[in-house]
Amino acid sequence: MDTISIMLLAIIVFMAGASIASFSGLVYFRLKTIPAEAGILKTISAPRSHCENCKETLRAVDLIPILGWVLTKGRCRHCHHPVPVRYPFTEALLGAVSVAFAWAFFPDIQTTILVLGLIWSLVVISAIDLSINIIPDELTTPLLFLGLLMSPFEASMELKVAGAAFGWFMLHMSMWVLQAWKGREGGNGGDAAMGALIGAWFGIFATPIYLFAFCVFYALHAGGLRKTREDGAPCGPAFSAAIIAVMPFHQFIGLIYGQVPQF
């Protein structure tokens, strides 16, 4: 593949990642402002994107990731209310992360697509969990089965099934221990589903490493939110950060156990 084609693909992946970041921001803020009983899908699908200050509907060009913010000079074109710089920053960050992962797994197109799909799904899951403390089964269940059937990180179905069972069991056990220790609910079924998802994608040997990374990220995350949230820190962002951070080193985890890397 020539240099121009590679650059074009990189731009496409970057813009796709930036668009997912933009969509995740929309999901986060809409779910925070609209009652949960309205339903997640209904909440994020309507009304059309608009300025939070003047409520005017945004034009299509305003919604282009990063570029829309630049063209409007970081302000609403109707009321000139400032649009926080965190929007283009997070869009650029996820776009860059997407390109980095695509570069790492290219030219294996199937693995690249699977990895990017997993990362983008995790970002949406994190946005939902941060907003309403729910990890939706509508996302974790398809990802679980996708990992069991097509994960590029573990070829053995037996090890993936064992990993899913192990991850689910460990999260349920930790929830039970926390509840017995603290006298309050220590998580929910969505957290256990994320543990099972990790096992399904990465196999039983690697699952403990990912869960340890989750504990580290959750401790940092919970510490940062302790003074700002009374309902505790959601686990979704910590799970997502652990998976994204450890995934590039998965082949080295396999070597520890004497496994041949799958990619």
C-alpha atoms as a PDB file:
ATOM      1  CA  MET A   1       0.000   0.000   0.000  1.00  0.00           C
ATOM      2  CA  ASP A   2       1.429   3.390  -1.001  1.00  0.00           C
ATOM      3  CA  THR A   3       2.039   6.313   1.350  1.00  0.00           C
ATOM      4  CA  ILE A   4      -0.950   8.337   0.143  1.00  0.00           C
ATOM      5  CA  SER A   5      -3.347   5.442   0.795  1.00  0.00           C
ATOM      6  CA  ILE A   6      -1.927   4.930   4.282  1.00  0.00           C
ATOM      7  CA  MET A   7      -2.287   8.643   5.081  1.00  0.00           C
ATOM      8  CA  LEU A   8      -5.869   8.619   3.799  1.00  0.00           C
ATOM      9  CA  LEU A   9      -6.707   5.625   5.988  1.00  0.00           C
ATOM     10  CA  ALA A  10      -5.086   7.345   8.974  1.00  0.00           C
ATOM     11  CA  ILE A  11      -7.242  10.439   8.412  1.00  0.00           C
ATOM     12  CA  ILE A  12     -10.379   8.307   8.148  1.00  0.00           C
ATOM     13  CA  VAL A  13      -9.548   6.435  11.368  1.00  0.00           C
ATOM     14  CA  PHE A  14      -8.696   9.704  13.139  1.00  0.00           C
ATOM     15  CA  MET A  15     -11.985  11.330  12.157  1.00  0.00           C
ATOM     16  CA  ALA A  16     -13.935   8.195  13.072  1.00  0.00           C
ATOM     17  CA  GLY A  17     -12.340   8.163  16.526  1.00  0.00           C
ATOM     18  CA  ALA A  18     -12.978  11.888  16.943  1.00  0.00           C
ATOM     19  CA  SER A  19     -16.617  11.362  15.941  1.00  0.00           C
ATOM     20  CA  ILE A  20     -17.017   8.633  18.571  1.00  0.00           C
ATOM     21  CA  ALA A  21     -15.593  11.019  21.186  1.00  0.00           C
ATOM     22  CA  SER A  22     -18.071  13.681  20.090  1.00  0.00           C
ATOM     23  CA  PHE A  23     -20.935  11.196  20.230  1.00  0.00           C
ATOM     24  CA  SER A  24     -19.838  10.009  23.686  1.00  0.00           C
ATOM     25  CA  GLY A  25     -19.889  13.589  24.945  1.00  0.00           C
ATOM     26  CA  LEU A  26     -23.438  13.959  23.636  1.00  0.00           C
ATOM     27  CA  VAL A  27     -24.440  10.709  25.370  1.00  0.00           C
ATOM     28  CA  TYR A  28     -22.896  11.836  28.658  1.00  0.00           C
ATOM     29  CA  PHE A  29     -24.607  15.206  28.838  1.00  0.00           C
ATOM     30  CA  ARG A  30     -27.994  14.098  27.535  1.00  0.00           C
ATOM     31  CA  LEU A  31     -28.255  11.211  29.985  1.00  0.00           C
ATOM     32  CA  LYS A  32     -27.361  13.563  32.845  1.00  0.00           C
ATOM     33  CA  THR A  33     -30.089  16.054  31.987  1.00  0.00           C
ATOM     34  CA  ILE A  34     -32.944  13.744  30.957  1.00  0.00           C
ATOM     35  CA  PRO A  35     -34.598  11.233  33.342  1.00  0.00           C
ATOM     36  CA  ALA A  36     -33.265   7.675  32.961  1.00  0.00           C
ATOM     37  CA  GLU A  37     -36.790   6.284  32.627  1.00  0.00           C
ATOM     38  CA  ALA A  38     -36.960   7.966  29.232  1.00  0.00           C
ATOM     39  CA  GLY A  39     -34.663   5.206  27.919  1.00  0.00           C
ATOM     40  CA  ILE A  40     -31.061   5.466  26.778  1.00  0.00           C
ATOM     41  CA  LEU A  41     -31.740   5.067  23.046  1.00  0.00           C
ATOM     42  CA  LYS A  42     -34.630   7.545  23.024  1.00  0.00           C
ATOM     43  CA  THR A  43     -32.654  10.035  25.096  1.00  0.00           C
ATOM     44  CA  ILE A  44     -29.615  10.141  22.810  1.00  0.00           C
ATOM     45  CA  SER A  45     -31.543  10.079  19.518  1.00  0.00           C
ATOM     46  CA  ALA A  46     -33.656  13.201  20.036  1.00  0.00           C
ATOM     47  CA  PRO A  47     -33.836  16.143  19.902  1.00  0.00           C
ATOM     48  CA  ARG A  48     -31.295  17.311  17.327  1.00  0.00           C
ATOM     49  CA  SER A  49     -27.968  18.634  18.597  1.00  0.00           C
ATOM     50  CA  HIS A  50     -28.313  22.171  19.882  1.00  0.00           C
ATOM     51  CA  CYS A  51     -26.515  24.833  21.883  1.00  0.00           C
ATOM     52  CA  GLU A  52     -26.943  24.189  25.594  1.00  0.00           C
ATOM     53  CA  ASN A  53     -27.155  27.938  26.231  1.00  0.00           C
ATOM     54  CA  CYS A  54     -29.559  29.309  23.599  1.00  0.00           C
ATOM     55  CA  LYS A  55     -31.087  25.947  22.481  1.00  0.00           C
ATOM     56  CA  GLU A  56     -30.642  26.819  18.789  1.00  0.00           C
ATOM     57  CA  THR A  57     -30.153  23.791  16.524  1.00  0.00           C
ATOM     58  CA  LEU A  58     -26.567  23.375  15.354  1.00  0.00           C
ATOM     59  CA  ARG A  59     -25.679  23.216  11.671  1.00  0.00           C
ATOM     60  CA  ALA A  60     -24.025  20.146  10.196  1.00  0.00           C
ATOM     61  CA  VAL A  61     -20.712  21.963   9.802  1.00  0.00           C
ATOM     62  CA  ASP A  62     -20.759  22.838  13.516  1.00  0.00           C
ATOM     63  CA  LEU A  63     -20.842  19.145  14.376  1.00  0.00           C
ATOM     64  CA  ILE A  64     -17.693  18.202  12.466  1.00  0.00           C
ATOM     65  CA  PRO A  65     -15.226  17.041  15.140  1.00  0.00           C
ATOM     66  CA  ILE A  66     -12.492  19.585  15.928  1.00  0.00           C
ATOM     67  CA  LEU A  67     -13.021  21.487  12.662  1.00  0.00           C
ATOM     68  CA  GLY A  68     -16.483  22.664  13.745  1.00  0.00           C
ATOM     69  CA  TRP A  69     -15.008  24.141  16.925  1.00  0.00           C
ATOM     70  CA  VAL A  70     -12.225  25.855  14.959  1.00  0.00           C
ATOM     71  CA  LEU A  71     -14.585  27.319  12.333  1.00  0.00           C
ATOM     72  CA  THR A  72     -16.839  28.825  15.010  1.00  0.00           C
ATOM     73  CA  LYS A  73     -13.796  30.027  17.003  1.00  0.00           C
ATOM     74  CA  GLY A  74     -14.936  28.046  20.013  1.00  0.00           C
ATOM     75  CA  ARG A  75     -18.289  29.825  20.321  1.00  0.00           C
ATOM     76  CA  CYS A  76     -21.910  29.196  19.428  1.00  0.00           C
ATOM     77  CA  ARG A  77     -22.605  30.921  16.116  1.00  0.00           C
ATOM     78  CA  HIS A  78     -26.036  32.041  17.428  1.00  0.00           C
ATOM     79  CA  CYS A  79     -25.447  33.374  20.947  1.00  0.00           C
ATOM     80  CA  HIS A  80     -21.606  33.392  20.954  1.00  0.00           C
ATOM     81  CA  HIS A  81     -21.526  31.422  24.197  1.00  0.00           C
ATOM     82  CA  PRO A  82     -18.080  29.797  24.668  1.00  0.00           C
ATOM     83  CA  VAL A  83     -17.789  26.101  23.820  1.00  0.00           C
ATOM     84  CA  PRO A  84     -15.309  24.449  26.231  1.00  0.00           C
ATOM     85  CA  VAL A  85     -11.974  23.435  24.728  1.00  0.00           C
ATOM     86  CA  ARG A  86     -12.375  19.975  26.297  1.00  0.00           C
ATOM     87  CA  TYR A  87     -14.579  19.001  23.359  1.00  0.00           C
ATOM     88  CA  PRO A  88     -11.975  19.306  20.589  1.00  0.00           C
ATOM     89  CA  PHE A  89      -9.292  18.064  22.996  1.00  0.00           C
ATOM     90  CA  THR A  90     -11.085  14.784  23.750  1.00  0.00           C
ATOM     91  CA  GLU A  91     -11.958  14.367  20.079  1.00  0.00           C
ATOM     92  CA  ALA A  92      -8.327  14.822  19.065  1.00  0.00           C
ATOM     93  CA  LEU A  93      -7.175  12.489  21.858  1.00  0.00           C
ATOM     94  CA  LEU A  94      -9.435   9.596  20.865  1.00  0.00           C
ATOM     95  CA  GLY A  95      -8.625  10.203  17.200  1.00  0.00           C
ATOM     96  CA  ALA A  96      -4.913   9.946  17.959  1.00  0.00           C
ATOM     97  CA  VAL A  97      -5.398   6.823  20.121  1.00  0.00           C
ATOM     98  CA  SER A  98      -7.419   5.225  17.318  1.00  0.00           C
ATOM     99  CA  VAL A  99      -4.680   5.911  14.769  1.00  0.00           C
ATOM    100  CA  ALA A 100      -2.043   4.514  17.148  1.00  0.00           C
ATOM    101  CA  PHE A 101      -3.937   1.253  17.622  1.00  0.00           C
ATOM    102  CA  ALA A 102      -4.732   0.985  13.922  1.00  0.00           C
ATOM    103  CA  TRP A 103      -1.028   1.480  13.150  1.00  0.00           C
ATOM    104  CA  ALA A 104      -0.067  -1.199  15.699  1.00  0.00           C
ATOM    105  CA  PHE A 105      -2.294  -3.891  14.154  1.00  0.00           C
ATOM    106  CA  PHE A 106      -2.177  -2.857  10.482  1.00  0.00           C
ATOM    107  CA  PRO A 107      -2.144  -4.476   7.901  1.00  0.00           C
ATOM    108  CA  ASP A 108      -4.299  -7.146   9.610  1.00  0.00           C
ATOM    109  CA  ILE A 109      -7.576  -5.476   8.650  1.00  0.00           C
ATOM    110  CA  GLN A 110      -9.855  -7.805  10.636  1.00  0.00           C
ATOM    111  CA  THR A 111      -7.872  -7.369  13.856  1.00  0.00           C
ATOM    112  CA  THR A 112      -7.690  -3.612  13.319  1.00  0.00           C
ATOM    113  CA  ILE A 113     -11.465  -3.358  12.894  1.00  0.00           C
ATOM    114  CA  LEU A 114     -12.131  -5.547  15.938  1.00  0.00           C
ATOM    115  CA  VAL A 115      -9.727  -3.590  18.141  1.00  0.00           C
ATOM    116  CA  LEU A 116     -11.081  -0.202  17.074  1.00  0.00           C
ATOM    117  CA  GLY A 117     -14.652  -1.416  17.535  1.00  0.00           C
ATOM    118  CA  LEU A 118     -13.800  -2.583  21.052  1.00  0.00           C
ATOM    119  CA  ILE A 119     -12.086   0.697  21.974  1.00  0.00           C
ATOM    120  CA  TRP A 120     -14.896   2.863  20.634  1.00  0.00           C
ATOM    121  CA  SER A 121     -17.524   0.743  22.387  1.00  0.00           C
ATOM    122  CA  LEU A 122     -15.604   1.086  25.662  1.00  0.00           C
ATOM    123  CA  VAL A 123     -15.580   4.870  25.306  1.00  0.00           C
ATOM    124  CA  VAL A 124     -19.371   4.929  24.883  1.00  0.00           C
ATOM    125  CA  ILE A 125     -19.802   2.539  27.826  1.00  0.00           C
ATOM    126  CA  SER A 126     -17.646   4.837  29.961  1.00  0.00           C
ATOM    127  CA  ALA A 127     -19.703   7.891  29.007  1.00  0.00           C
ATOM    128  CA  ILE A 128     -22.958   6.138  29.937  1.00  0.00           C
ATOM    129  CA  ASP A 129     -21.569   4.835  33.225  1.00  0.00           C
ATOM    130  CA  LEU A 130     -20.126   8.217  34.178  1.00  0.00           C
ATOM    131  CA  SER A 131     -23.473   9.817  33.489  1.00  0.00           C
ATOM    132  CA  ILE A 132     -25.990   7.447  35.104  1.00  0.00           C
ATOM    133  CA  ASN A 133     -23.920   4.725  36.839  1.00  0.00           C
ATOM    134  CA  ILE A 134     -25.134   2.029  34.448  1.00  0.00           C
ATOM    135  CA  ILE A 135     -23.132  -0.278  32.198  1.00  0.00           C
ATOM    136  CA  PRO A 136     -25.743  -1.263  29.598  1.00  0.00           C
ATOM    137  CA  ASP A 137     -26.249  -4.924  28.707  1.00  0.00           C
ATOM    138  CA  GLU A 138     -27.102  -3.746  25.185  1.00  0.00           C
ATOM    139  CA  LEU A 139     -23.379  -3.085  24.687  1.00  0.00           C
ATOM    140  CA  THR A 140     -21.643  -5.604  26.956  1.00  0.00           C
ATOM    141  CA  THR A 141     -23.567  -8.652  25.738  1.00  0.00           C
ATOM    142  CA  PRO A 142     -22.712  -8.220  22.018  1.00  0.00           C
ATOM    143  CA  LEU A 143     -19.097  -7.449  22.942  1.00  0.00           C
ATOM    144  CA  LEU A 144     -18.955 -10.589  25.089  1.00  0.00           C
ATOM    145  CA  PHE A 145     -20.085 -12.851  22.262  1.00  0.00           C
ATOM    146  CA  LEU A 146     -17.942 -10.996  19.731  1.00  0.00           C
ATOM    147  CA  GLY A 147     -14.936 -11.704  21.921  1.00  0.00           C
ATOM    148  CA  LEU A 148     -15.829 -15.376  22.273  1.00  0.00           C
ATOM    149  CA  LEU A 149     -16.283 -15.799  18.525  1.00  0.00           C
ATOM    150  CA  MET A 150     -13.711 -13.474  16.963  1.00  0.00           C
ATOM    151  CA  SER A 151     -11.184 -12.212  19.510  1.00  0.00           C
ATOM    152  CA  PRO A 152      -7.732 -11.910  17.878  1.00  0.00           C
ATOM    153  CA  PHE A 153      -6.013 -12.135  21.271  1.00  0.00           C
ATOM    154  CA  GLU A 154      -6.899 -15.704  22.226  1.00  0.00           C
ATOM    155  CA  ALA A 155      -7.525 -18.558  19.778  1.00  0.00           C
ATOM    156  CA  SER A 156      -8.746 -21.201  22.225  1.00  0.00           C
ATOM    157  CA  MET A 157     -12.499 -21.165  22.821  1.00  0.00           C
ATOM    158  CA  GLU A 158     -11.971 -23.124  26.041  1.00  0.00           C
ATOM    159  CA  LEU A 159      -9.601 -20.489  27.436  1.00  0.00           C
ATOM    160  CA  LYS A 160     -11.950 -17.686  26.417  1.00  0.00           C
ATOM    161  CA  VAL A 161     -14.957 -19.330  28.055  1.00  0.00           C
ATOM    162  CA  ALA A 162     -12.887 -20.052  31.175  1.00  0.00           C
ATOM    163  CA  GLY A 163     -11.672 -16.444  31.168  1.00  0.00           C
ATOM    164  CA  ALA A 164     -15.217 -15.104  30.885  1.00  0.00           C
ATOM    165  CA  ALA A 165     -16.355 -17.295  33.777  1.00  0.00           C
ATOM    166  CA  PHE A 166     -13.339 -16.293  35.858  1.00  0.00           C
ATOM    167  CA  GLY A 167     -13.826 -12.570  35.217  1.00  0.00           C
ATOM    168  CA  TRP A 168     -17.536 -12.764  36.029  1.00  0.00           C
ATOM    169  CA  PHE A 169     -16.851 -14.745  39.220  1.00  0.00           C
ATOM    170  CA  MET A 170     -14.079 -12.442  40.454  1.00  0.00           C
ATOM    171  CA  LEU A 171     -16.196  -9.321  40.009  1.00  0.00           C
ATOM    172  CA  HIS A 172     -19.166 -10.916  41.762  1.00  0.00           C
ATOM    173  CA  MET A 173     -16.901 -12.023  44.598  1.00  0.00           C
ATOM    174  CA  SER A 174     -15.414  -8.539  44.988  1.00  0.00           C
ATOM    175  CA  MET A 175     -18.918  -7.053  45.032  1.00  0.00           C
ATOM    176  CA  TRP A 176     -19.952  -9.522  47.742  1.00  0.00           C
ATOM    177  CA  VAL A 177     -16.839  -8.829  49.837  1.00  0.00           C
ATOM    178  CA  LEU A 178     -17.305  -5.060  49.579  1.00  0.00           C
ATOM    179  CA  GLN A 179     -20.947  -5.343  50.518  1.00  0.00           C
ATOM    180  CA  ALA A 180     -20.114  -7.497  53.558  1.00  0.00           C
ATOM    181  CA  TRP A 181     -17.276  -5.165  54.575  1.00  0.00           C
ATOM    182  CA  LYS A 182     -18.833  -1.771  53.927  1.00  0.00           C
ATOM    183  CA  GLY A 183     -22.478  -2.716  54.407  1.00  0.00           C
ATOM    184  CA  ARG A 184     -23.478  -1.257  51.041  1.00  0.00           C
ATOM    185  CA  GLU A 185     -23.801  -2.411  47.467  1.00  0.00           C
ATOM    186  CA  GLY A 186     -20.354  -2.827  45.942  1.00  0.00           C
ATOM    187  CA  GLY A 187     -21.239  -2.811  42.252  1.00  0.00           C
ATOM    188  CA  ASN A 188     -23.813  -4.259  39.885  1.00  0.00           C
ATOM    189  CA  GLY A 189     -24.310  -6.796  37.142  1.00  0.00           C
ATOM    190  CA  GLY A 190     -22.742  -4.466  34.592  1.00  0.00           C
ATOM    191  CA  ASP A 191     -19.425  -4.620  36.412  1.00  0.00           C
ATOM    192  CA  ALA A 192     -19.505  -8.434  36.395  1.00  0.00           C
ATOM    193  CA  ALA A 193     -20.372  -8.320  32.689  1.00  0.00           C
ATOM    194  CA  MET A 194     -17.253  -6.240  32.076  1.00  0.00           C
ATOM    195  CA  GLY A 195     -15.178  -8.851  33.908  1.00  0.00           C
ATOM    196  CA  ALA A 196     -16.677 -11.560  31.695  1.00  0.00           C
ATOM    197  CA  LEU A 197     -16.030  -9.405  28.619  1.00  0.00           C
ATOM    198  CA  ILE A 198     -12.341  -9.126  29.503  1.00  0.00           C
ATOM    199  CA  GLY A 199     -12.069 -12.903  29.887  1.00  0.00           C
ATOM    200  CA  ALA A 200     -13.846 -13.512  26.586  1.00  0.00           C
ATOM    201  CA  TRP A 201     -11.489 -11.222  24.670  1.00  0.00           C
ATOM    202  CA  PHE A 202      -8.180 -12.015  26.334  1.00  0.00           C
ATOM    203  CA  GLY A 203      -8.455 -15.505  27.817  1.00  0.00           C
ATOM    204  CA  ILE A 204      -8.100 -16.809  31.340  1.00  0.00           C
ATOM    205  CA  PHE A 205      -4.308 -16.403  31.569  1.00  0.00           C
ATOM    206  CA  ALA A 206      -4.356 -12.687  30.790  1.00  0.00           C
ATOM    207  CA  THR A 207      -7.554 -11.833  32.674  1.00  0.00           C
ATOM    208  CA  PRO A 208      -5.870 -11.433  36.111  1.00  0.00           C
ATOM    209  CA  ILE A 209      -3.466  -8.860  34.616  1.00  0.00           C
ATOM    210  CA  TYR A 210      -6.331  -6.831  33.161  1.00  0.00           C
ATOM    211  CA  LEU A 211      -8.279  -7.037  36.426  1.00  0.00           C
ATOM    212  CA  PHE A 212      -5.236  -5.876  38.394  1.00  0.00           C
ATOM    213  CA  ALA A 213      -4.896  -2.908  36.020  1.00  0.00           C
ATOM    214  CA  PHE A 214      -8.597  -2.218  36.544  1.00  0.00           C
ATOM    215  CA  CYS A 215      -8.048  -2.084  40.322  1.00  0.00           C
ATOM    216  CA  VAL A 216      -5.221   0.426  39.871  1.00  0.00           C
ATOM    217  CA  PHE A 217      -7.220   2.674  37.544  1.00  0.00           C
ATOM    218  CA  TYR A 218     -10.316   2.413  39.727  1.00  0.00           C
ATOM    219  CA  ALA A 219      -8.353   3.458  42.820  1.00  0.00           C
ATOM    220  CA  LEU A 220      -7.074   6.533  40.967  1.00  0.00           C
ATOM    221  CA  HIS A 221     -10.498   7.259  39.501  1.00  0.00           C
ATOM    222  CA  ALA A 222     -12.344   6.853  42.803  1.00  0.00           C
ATOM    223  CA  GLY A 223      -9.825   9.059  44.576  1.00  0.00           C
ATOM    224  CA  GLY A 224     -10.341  11.812  42.041  1.00  0.00           C
ATOM    225  CA  LEU A 225     -14.148  11.692  42.315  1.00  0.00           C
ATOM    226  CA  ARG A 226     -14.432  11.208  46.086  1.00  0.00           C
ATOM    227  CA  LYS A 227     -15.084  14.894  46.752  1.00  0.00           C
ATOM    228  CA  THR A 228     -17.368  15.530  43.789  1.00  0.00           C
ATOM    229  CA  ARG A 229     -19.717  12.519  43.677  1.00  0.00           C
ATOM    230  CA  GLU A 230     -21.744  11.119  46.541  1.00  0.00           C
ATOM    231  CA  ASP A 231     -22.866   8.061  44.562  1.00  0.00           C
ATOM    232  CA  GLY A 232     -19.327   6.708  44.264  1.00  0.00           C
ATOM    233  CA  ALA A 233     -17.096   6.213  41.267  1.00  0.00           C
ATOM    234  CA  PRO A 234     -18.480   4.214  38.314  1.00  0.00           C
ATOM    235  CA  CYS A 235     -16.345   1.261  37.244  1.00  0.00           C
ATOM    236  CA  GLY A 236     -16.830   1.576  33.474  1.00  0.00           C
ATOM    237  CA  PRO A 237     -14.066   4.146  32.865  1.00  0.00           C
ATOM    238  CA  ALA A 238     -11.590   2.120  34.952  1.00  0.00           C
ATOM    239  CA  PHE A 239     -12.390  -1.074  33.038  1.00  0.00           C
ATOM    240  CA  SER A 240     -11.996   0.768  29.748  1.00  0.00           C
ATOM    241  CA  ALA A 241      -8.721   2.407  30.765  1.00  0.00           C
ATOM    242  CA  ALA A 242      -7.329  -0.955  31.919  1.00  0.00           C
ATOM    243  CA  ILE A 243      -8.197  -2.688  28.651  1.00  0.00           C
ATOM    244  CA  ILE A 244      -6.838   0.113  26.468  1.00  0.00           C
ATOM    245  CA  ALA A 245      -3.652   0.448  28.528  1.00  0.00           C
ATOM    246  CA  VAL A 246      -2.819  -3.271  28.747  1.00  0.00           C
ATOM    247  CA  MET A 247      -3.962  -4.379  25.282  1.00  0.00           C
ATOM    248  CA  PRO A 248      -0.789  -3.203  23.452  1.00  0.00           C
ATOM    249  CA  PHE A 249       1.266  -5.444  25.759  1.00  0.00           C
ATOM    250  CA  HIS A 250      -0.977  -8.499  25.475  1.00  0.00           C
ATOM    251  CA  GLN A 251       1.527 -10.484  23.446  1.00  0.00           C
ATOM    252  CA  PHE A 252       4.087 -10.114  26.245  1.00  0.00           C
ATOM    253  CA  ILE A 253       1.535 -11.428  28.744  1.00  0.00           C
ATOM    254  CA  GLY A 254       1.166 -14.469  26.502  1.00  0.00           C
ATOM    255  CA  LEU A 255       4.905 -15.018  26.490  1.00  0.00           C
ATOM    256  CA  ILE A 256       4.895 -15.133  30.293  1.00  0.00           C
ATOM    257  CA  TYR A 257       2.659 -18.186  30.085  1.00  0.00           C
ATOM    258  CA  GLY A 258       4.539 -19.663  27.158  1.00  0.00           C
ATOM    259  CA  GLN A 259       1.846 -18.813  24.621  1.00  0.00           C
ATOM    260  CA  VAL A 260       2.562 -17.847  21.019  1.00  0.00           C
ATOM    261  CA  PRO A 261       1.155 -14.353  20.214  1.00  0.00           C
ATOM    262  CA  GLN A 262      -1.973 -14.499  18.060  1.00  0.00           C
ATOM    263  CA  PHE A 263      -1.159 -11.342  16.078  1.00  0.00           C
END
